[in-house]
Amino acid sequence: MVLPDLPLLLEQLNGREYIWLIIPTFATVALLSRPFSGKISDTVGRVFVMIFGAFITAFSGLLYIYIPFLSLFLILRGFHGLSAGFTPTGFTAYADDIVPLAKRGQAMGIIGVSNNIGNALGWVIGSEFTKHFGLDWMFLFSSFLGLISMILFATLKESIPNKAKFKLSVLKINKNELIEKKVLLPSLVFLLTAFSSGAILALIADFSAYIHVENKGLYMAVYILASVFIRLMAGEWSDRYGRVKIVVIGCIVLFISMFILAFSNEIVTYLISSVCFGIAFGLLSPSIFAWAVDLSLPGQKGKAVGTLFVFMELGIIIGSSIGGLVYQNNTSNFITVFLICASLALSPLFIISFFQSKQRNQSSL
């Protein structure tokens, strides 16, 4: 909800040139917190992790109202990133705990649908709230929604059998707890495809204004609506036909989306790109999450999901940073950014092919 209009807050703080830091500061802290949220999720419980993330959302919404200068804004963006580092790790592992193995992909699709609907409504409603009531009321409303989330999460029954009480010692992370090596391939695929998400999150508001689209949340809203329609089916398809096949198709559709956007100068191609973007991540997200959980060890789901999110956040950080640095508030650079996204969207196809070929060679020995 807050993301489309954060550039307005930056302008008020005389920091428009730092627009490219809006996503990386948030995503960096989200990334760094993933190993902790994964470990806490596997020990203290999924519900604890979800509630903590929702609390950060609610508290951050209030703090945005009182930001007096730029450096505090950037610190707050990092603090806000804890919400993304904790809540998604908790609810992804929670959902996998309570669904049968044969419907894992479908469950990841349902999570994605719910997440996407929330994002779509947030982008559109947030933009309208700011237009009619101002930034402060938009931030207050986002804080209120975070509070509602906390209450709803608190009603859930914990899904891990032997949860422990939270202790500071839980925050001690050993080297072997940072990354789940078994899920490196799906994680790498997520990093390369998330690059496009980072670039879109950082630049789509400016690109929308560039082609005279009034509502800065329109691209995201259309993308999310398209994603909602495909996610439930995509999860079932990944259960039936295999995770990798659906991921490959998703990468191809993402390439098409970014290629179209690179040469878009009117609303029709802008919307076509958005629909393709939604289809791509509607295919990719549930399939990649189910793929990672398939590869994880029993009792290590939180760690596996945390690893996946680390790579996703890294992709978003790199995409938003490089996208913003290439863009440099020069609209002629949009084409370069989106062509970079298109090329990286295709790269997982070669990586997957390489790994599959390596596995076949090993099995034949």
Protein backbone atom coordinates (compact mmCIF):
# COMPACT_ATOMS: atom_id res chain seq x y z
CA MET A 1 0.00 0.00 0.00
CA VAL A 2 2.71 2.51 0.92
CA LEU A 3 5.11 1.75 -1.93
CA PRO A 4 3.56 3.72 -4.85
CA ASP A 5 3.57 6.98 -2.93
CA LEU A 6 6.87 6.77 -1.07
CA PRO A 7 8.49 8.90 -3.83
CA LEU A 8 6.13 11.70 -2.70
CA LEU A 9 7.48 11.42 0.83
CA LEU A 10 11.01 11.50 -0.57
CA GLU A 11 10.19 14.71 -2.43
CA GLN A 12 8.94 16.27 0.80
CA LEU A 13 12.29 15.33 2.35
CA ASN A 14 14.21 16.77 -0.63
CA GLY A 15 15.53 13.34 -1.56
CA ARG A 16 14.00 12.56 -4.95
CA GLU A 17 17.38 11.44 -6.33
CA TYR A 18 17.38 8.58 -3.78
CA ILE A 19 14.25 6.94 -5.20
CA TRP A 20 16.32 3.94 -6.26
CA LEU A 21 17.03 3.16 -2.57
CA ILE A 22 13.35 2.68 -1.64
CA ILE A 23 13.36 -1.02 -2.58
CA PRO A 24 16.98 -2.03 -1.74
CA THR A 25 16.90 -0.68 1.84
CA PHE A 26 13.68 -2.60 2.51
CA ALA A 27 14.76 -5.76 0.71
CA THR A 28 18.27 -5.87 2.22
CA VAL A 29 16.93 -6.12 5.76
CA ALA A 30 14.29 -8.62 4.61
CA LEU A 31 17.10 -10.71 3.12
CA LEU A 32 19.32 -10.52 6.21
CA SER A 33 16.44 -11.49 8.49
CA ARG A 34 15.47 -14.64 6.52
CA PRO A 35 17.90 -17.05 8.23
CA PHE A 36 16.60 -15.83 11.61
CA SER A 37 12.93 -16.07 10.64
CA GLY A 38 13.48 -19.53 9.16
CA LYS A 39 15.17 -20.81 12.34
CA ILE A 40 12.59 -19.19 14.64
CA SER A 41 9.79 -20.60 12.48
CA ASP A 42 11.20 -24.14 12.86
CA THR A 43 11.75 -23.82 16.63
CA VAL A 44 9.50 -21.22 18.28
CA GLY A 45 6.70 -21.56 15.73
CA ARG A 46 5.16 -20.30 12.53
CA VAL A 47 2.49 -18.20 14.30
CA PHE A 48 5.06 -16.27 16.35
CA VAL A 49 6.95 -15.36 13.17
CA MET A 50 3.78 -14.23 11.39
CA ILE A 51 2.61 -12.07 14.30
CA PHE A 52 6.02 -10.40 14.64
CA GLY A 53 6.06 -9.51 10.93
CA ALA A 54 2.55 -8.06 11.13
CA PHE A 55 3.56 -5.98 14.17
CA ILE A 56 6.44 -4.46 12.18
CA THR A 57 3.97 -3.55 9.42
CA ALA A 58 1.61 -1.84 11.85
CA PHE A 59 4.35 0.05 13.70
CA SER A 60 6.13 1.16 10.51
CA GLY A 61 2.93 2.66 9.10
CA LEU A 62 2.75 4.98 12.11
CA LEU A 63 6.43 5.93 11.97
CA TYR A 64 6.28 7.11 8.33
CA ILE A 65 4.05 9.98 9.46
CA TYR A 66 6.74 11.41 11.74
CA ILE A 67 9.83 11.13 9.53
CA PRO A 68 11.63 14.54 9.67
CA PHE A 69 14.60 13.94 7.37
CA LEU A 70 16.03 11.64 4.72
CA SER A 71 18.42 9.46 6.73
CA LEU A 72 15.63 8.43 9.12
CA PHE A 73 13.43 7.57 6.14
CA LEU A 74 16.07 5.13 4.87
CA ILE A 75 16.48 3.61 8.35
CA LEU A 76 12.71 3.15 8.60
CA ARG A 77 12.59 1.47 5.18
CA GLY A 78 15.13 -1.03 6.49
CA PHE A 79 13.15 -1.57 9.70
CA HIS A 80 9.98 -2.06 7.66
CA GLY A 81 11.80 -4.78 5.71
CA LEU A 82 11.64 -7.03 8.79
CA SER A 83 7.95 -7.52 8.02
CA ALA A 84 8.77 -9.09 4.66
CA GLY A 85 11.58 -11.09 6.26
CA PHE A 86 9.29 -12.74 8.80
CA THR A 87 5.62 -13.01 7.85
CA PRO A 88 5.99 -14.71 4.42
CA THR A 89 8.47 -17.25 5.84
CA GLY A 90 5.98 -18.13 8.56
CA PHE A 91 2.85 -18.46 6.47
CA THR A 92 4.53 -20.37 3.63
CA ALA A 93 5.89 -23.00 6.04
CA TYR A 94 2.57 -23.00 7.94
CA ALA A 95 0.58 -23.71 4.79
CA ASP A 96 2.87 -26.58 3.83
CA ASP A 97 2.45 -28.06 7.34
CA ILE A 98 -1.31 -28.30 7.04
CA VAL A 99 -1.81 -29.53 3.45
CA PRO A 100 -1.24 -33.02 2.00
CA LEU A 101 1.87 -33.59 -0.10
CA ALA A 102 -0.12 -34.20 -3.30
CA LYS A 103 -1.62 -30.69 -3.06
CA ARG A 104 1.53 -28.79 -2.14
CA GLY A 105 1.68 -26.89 -5.43
CA GLN A 106 -2.00 -26.00 -5.20
CA ALA A 107 -1.47 -24.71 -1.65
CA MET A 108 1.41 -22.49 -2.79
CA GLY A 109 -0.94 -21.20 -5.50
CA ILE A 110 -3.60 -20.28 -2.93
CA ILE A 111 -1.01 -18.41 -0.86
CA GLY A 112 0.09 -16.55 -3.96
CA VAL A 113 -3.49 -15.65 -4.89
CA SER A 114 -4.16 -14.24 -1.42
CA ASN A 115 -0.88 -12.33 -1.43
CA ASN A 116 -1.53 -10.95 -4.89
CA ILE A 117 -5.04 -9.80 -4.12
CA GLY A 118 -3.70 -7.97 -1.08
CA ASN A 119 -0.94 -6.35 -3.13
CA ALA A 120 -3.33 -5.32 -5.91
CA LEU A 121 -5.78 -3.76 -3.49
CA GLY A 122 -2.92 -2.13 -1.60
CA TRP A 123 -1.42 -0.47 -4.66
CA VAL A 124 -4.74 0.86 -5.98
CA ILE A 125 -6.33 1.80 -2.64
CA GLY A 126 -3.11 3.33 -1.35
CA SER A 127 -2.79 5.54 -4.39
CA GLU A 128 -6.44 6.63 -4.13
CA PHE A 129 -6.14 7.23 -0.37
CA THR A 130 -3.20 9.54 -0.92
CA LYS A 131 -4.99 11.37 -3.73
CA HIS A 132 -8.12 12.05 -1.66
CA PHE A 133 -6.91 12.17 1.96
CA GLY A 134 -3.13 12.71 1.85
CA LEU A 135 -0.07 10.66 2.76
CA ASP A 136 -0.64 10.61 6.52
CA TRP A 137 -4.05 8.98 6.29
CA MET A 138 -2.71 6.42 3.84
CA PHE A 139 0.04 5.50 6.30
CA LEU A 140 -2.48 5.30 9.14
CA PHE A 141 -4.69 2.96 7.14
CA SER A 142 -1.73 0.71 6.28
CA SER A 143 -0.91 0.55 10.00
CA PHE A 144 -4.51 -0.39 10.80
CA LEU A 145 -4.37 -3.26 8.29
CA GLY A 146 -1.17 -4.51 9.93
CA LEU A 147 -2.97 -4.54 13.28
CA ILE A 148 -5.85 -6.56 11.79
CA SER A 149 -3.30 -9.04 10.43
CA MET A 150 -1.80 -9.48 13.89
CA ILE A 151 -5.19 -10.30 15.35
CA LEU A 152 -5.98 -12.80 12.59
CA PHE A 153 -2.61 -14.55 12.89
CA ALA A 154 -3.11 -14.82 16.67
CA THR A 155 -6.25 -16.94 16.10
CA LEU A 156 -4.27 -19.67 14.27
CA LYS A 157 -3.28 -22.91 15.97
CA GLU A 158 0.46 -23.56 15.87
CA SER A 159 1.40 -26.22 13.31
CA ILE A 160 4.79 -27.47 14.59
CA PRO A 161 4.49 -30.25 17.19
CA ASN A 162 7.13 -29.29 19.76
CA LYS A 163 7.50 -25.54 19.78
CA ALA A 164 10.00 -23.90 22.14
CA LYS A 165 9.80 -20.61 24.00
CA PHE A 166 11.61 -17.70 22.39
CA LYS A 167 15.10 -17.16 23.79
CA LEU A 168 17.87 -14.85 22.63
CA SER A 169 19.98 -17.94 21.94
CA VAL A 170 17.61 -18.73 19.06
CA LEU A 171 19.04 -15.70 17.26
CA LYS A 172 22.49 -17.29 17.15
CA ILE A 173 22.90 -18.55 13.59
CA ASN A 174 25.59 -21.08 12.72
CA LYS A 175 27.14 -21.22 9.25
CA ASN A 176 25.19 -24.35 8.36
CA GLU A 177 21.93 -22.58 9.26
CA LEU A 178 22.33 -19.69 6.82
CA ILE A 179 21.51 -21.47 3.57
CA GLU A 180 19.80 -24.76 2.70
CA LYS A 181 22.07 -26.06 -0.06
CA LYS A 182 19.48 -28.56 -1.26
CA VAL A 183 17.33 -25.73 -2.65
CA LEU A 184 20.07 -23.73 -4.40
CA LEU A 185 18.80 -24.43 -7.94
CA PRO A 186 15.21 -23.17 -7.43
CA SER A 187 16.65 -20.31 -5.36
CA LEU A 188 18.98 -19.26 -8.19
CA VAL A 189 16.05 -19.35 -10.63
CA PHE A 190 14.09 -17.14 -8.24
CA LEU A 191 16.97 -14.66 -8.01
CA LEU A 192 17.20 -14.25 -11.79
CA THR A 193 13.45 -13.84 -12.28
CA ALA A 194 13.05 -11.58 -9.21
CA PHE A 195 15.43 -9.12 -10.89
CA SER A 196 12.48 -8.07 -13.07
CA SER A 197 10.27 -7.64 -10.00
CA GLY A 198 12.84 -5.35 -8.42
CA ALA A 199 13.12 -3.20 -11.53
CA ILE A 200 9.34 -3.00 -11.87
CA LEU A 201 8.81 -2.09 -8.22
CA ALA A 202 11.42 0.66 -8.46
CA LEU A 203 10.48 2.16 -11.82
CA ILE A 204 6.90 1.35 -12.81
CA ALA A 205 5.44 4.45 -11.12
CA ASP A 206 7.75 6.71 -13.15
CA PHE A 207 7.21 4.65 -16.31
CA SER A 208 3.43 4.93 -15.85
CA ALA A 209 3.73 8.72 -15.65
CA TYR A 210 6.04 8.67 -18.70
CA ILE A 211 3.35 7.09 -20.89
CA HIS A 212 0.60 9.21 -19.23
CA VAL A 213 -1.10 6.54 -17.09
CA GLU A 214 -2.71 8.42 -14.20
CA ASN A 215 -2.98 5.68 -11.55
CA LYS A 216 0.54 4.64 -10.56
CA GLY A 217 -0.76 1.30 -9.28
CA LEU A 218 -2.45 0.22 -12.53
CA TYR A 219 0.40 -1.97 -13.84
CA MET A 220 0.71 -3.78 -10.52
CA ALA A 221 -3.06 -4.16 -10.16
CA VAL A 222 -3.45 -5.70 -13.62
CA TYR A 223 -0.40 -7.91 -13.13
CA ILE A 224 -1.75 -9.19 -9.83
CA LEU A 225 -5.24 -9.81 -11.18
CA ALA A 226 -3.75 -11.80 -14.08
CA SER A 227 -1.61 -13.70 -11.61
CA VAL A 228 -4.62 -14.54 -9.44
CA PHE A 229 -6.36 -16.24 -12.36
CA ILE A 230 -3.36 -18.40 -13.19
CA ARG A 231 -1.94 -19.29 -9.76
CA LEU A 232 -4.46 -21.88 -8.62
CA MET A 233 -4.18 -23.72 -11.92
CA ALA A 234 -0.39 -23.32 -11.96
CA GLY A 235 -0.06 -24.99 -8.57
CA GLU A 236 -2.14 -27.93 -9.72
CA TRP A 237 -0.20 -28.09 -13.01
CA SER A 238 3.09 -28.24 -11.11
CA ASP A 239 1.70 -31.11 -9.02
CA ARG A 240 0.67 -32.94 -12.17
CA TYR A 241 3.33 -32.13 -14.80
CA GLY A 242 6.33 -31.26 -12.62
CA ARG A 243 7.74 -28.09 -11.12
CA VAL A 244 10.51 -27.57 -13.67
CA LYS A 245 8.25 -27.64 -16.74
CA ILE A 246 5.99 -24.94 -15.31
CA VAL A 247 8.99 -22.85 -14.22
CA VAL A 248 10.42 -22.96 -17.76
CA ILE A 249 7.13 -21.77 -19.24
CA GLY A 250 6.99 -18.99 -16.63
CA CYS A 251 10.48 -17.78 -17.60
CA ILE A 252 9.50 -17.60 -21.27
CA VAL A 253 6.35 -15.59 -20.50
CA LEU A 254 8.37 -13.24 -18.27
CA PHE A 255 10.79 -12.63 -21.16
CA ILE A 256 7.85 -11.73 -23.41
CA SER A 257 6.48 -9.34 -20.78
CA MET A 258 9.75 -7.45 -20.32
CA PHE A 259 10.48 -7.34 -24.05
CA ILE A 260 7.06 -5.81 -24.76
CA LEU A 261 7.46 -3.27 -21.94
CA ALA A 262 10.86 -2.20 -23.27
CA PHE A 263 9.22 -0.95 -26.47
CA SER A 264 5.92 0.17 -24.95
CA ASN A 265 4.82 3.78 -25.44
CA GLU A 266 1.05 3.41 -25.07
CA ILE A 267 -1.40 1.93 -22.61
CA VAL A 268 -2.33 -1.12 -24.75
CA THR A 269 1.18 -2.61 -24.83
CA TYR A 270 1.68 -1.48 -21.21
CA LEU A 271 -1.34 -3.56 -20.17
CA ILE A 272 -0.34 -6.54 -22.34
CA SER A 273 3.05 -6.53 -20.61
CA SER A 274 1.33 -6.37 -17.22
CA VAL A 275 -0.91 -9.34 -18.03
CA CYS A 276 2.10 -11.39 -19.20
CA PHE A 277 4.01 -10.36 -16.07
CA GLY A 278 1.12 -11.67 -13.96
CA ILE A 279 0.92 -14.94 -15.87
CA ALA A 280 4.69 -15.39 -15.57
CA PHE A 281 4.82 -15.03 -11.80
CA GLY A 282 1.54 -16.87 -11.44
CA LEU A 283 3.37 -19.83 -12.97
CA LEU A 284 6.74 -19.23 -11.34
CA SER A 285 6.01 -18.51 -7.68
CA PRO A 286 3.91 -21.52 -6.59
CA SER A 287 6.04 -23.89 -8.68
CA ILE A 288 9.34 -22.59 -7.27
CA PHE A 289 8.09 -22.70 -3.68
CA ALA A 290 6.72 -26.22 -4.08
CA TRP A 291 9.98 -27.26 -5.81
CA ALA A 292 12.05 -25.95 -2.88
CA VAL A 293 9.86 -27.64 -0.26
CA ASP A 294 10.07 -30.89 -2.26
CA LEU A 295 13.85 -30.75 -1.91
CA SER A 296 13.93 -29.80 1.78
CA LEU A 297 14.52 -32.17 4.68
CA PRO A 298 11.83 -32.93 7.31
CA GLY A 299 11.93 -30.29 10.04
CA GLN A 300 13.86 -27.91 7.77
CA LYS A 301 11.00 -26.34 5.80
CA GLY A 302 11.44 -22.96 7.44
CA LYS A 303 15.13 -22.99 6.57
CA ALA A 304 14.39 -24.02 2.96
CA VAL A 305 11.71 -21.35 2.55
CA GLY A 306 14.00 -18.80 4.20
CA THR A 307 16.76 -19.64 1.72
CA LEU A 308 14.35 -19.20 -1.16
CA PHE A 309 13.30 -15.80 0.14
CA VAL A 310 16.94 -14.77 0.62
CA PHE A 311 17.60 -15.31 -3.08
CA MET A 312 14.30 -13.65 -4.03
CA GLU A 313 15.16 -10.57 -1.96
CA LEU A 314 18.66 -10.54 -3.44
CA GLY A 315 17.14 -10.54 -6.93
CA ILE A 316 14.82 -7.68 -5.99
CA ILE A 317 17.68 -5.69 -4.45
CA ILE A 318 19.90 -6.14 -7.51
CA GLY A 319 17.03 -5.48 -9.93
CA SER A 320 15.83 -2.32 -8.19
CA SER A 321 19.36 -0.99 -7.64
CA ILE A 322 20.66 -1.64 -11.14
CA GLY A 323 17.34 -0.55 -12.62
CA GLY A 324 17.45 2.74 -10.70
CA LEU A 325 21.10 3.38 -11.46
CA VAL A 326 20.65 2.71 -15.19
CA TYR A 327 17.45 4.79 -15.28
CA GLN A 328 18.96 7.89 -13.59
CA ASN A 329 15.64 9.76 -13.99
CA ASN A 330 16.18 9.66 -17.77
CA THR A 331 13.17 8.18 -19.59
CA SER A 332 15.27 7.16 -22.59
CA ASN A 333 16.92 4.57 -20.34
CA PHE A 334 13.73 2.61 -19.67
CA ILE A 335 14.34 0.44 -22.75
CA THR A 336 17.80 -0.58 -21.50
CA VAL A 337 16.51 -1.57 -18.06
CA PHE A 338 13.66 -3.70 -19.38
CA LEU A 339 15.84 -5.42 -22.00
CA ILE A 340 18.24 -6.40 -19.21
CA CYS A 341 15.24 -7.85 -17.37
CA ALA A 342 14.18 -9.76 -20.49
CA SER A 343 17.61 -11.32 -20.98
CA LEU A 344 17.86 -12.41 -17.34
CA ALA A 345 14.36 -13.91 -17.50
CA LEU A 346 15.61 -16.39 -20.13
CA SER A 347 18.86 -17.28 -18.35
CA PRO A 348 17.27 -19.88 -15.97
CA LEU A 349 16.45 -22.04 -18.99
CA PHE A 350 20.16 -22.55 -19.67
CA ILE A 351 20.98 -23.08 -15.98
CA ILE A 352 18.23 -25.68 -15.55
CA SER A 353 19.35 -27.42 -18.74
CA PHE A 354 22.94 -27.51 -17.46
CA PHE A 355 21.95 -29.01 -14.09
CA GLN A 356 19.66 -31.59 -15.69
CA SER A 357 22.43 -32.60 -18.10
CA LYS A 358 24.89 -32.90 -15.19
CA GLN A 359 22.45 -35.09 -13.24
CA ARG A 360 21.89 -37.36 -16.24
CA ASN A 361 25.64 -37.78 -16.67
CA GLN A 362 26.10 -38.63 -12.99
CA SER A 363 23.26 -41.16 -13.04
CA SER A 364 24.75 -42.89 -16.08
CA LEU A 365 28.10 -43.45 -14.33
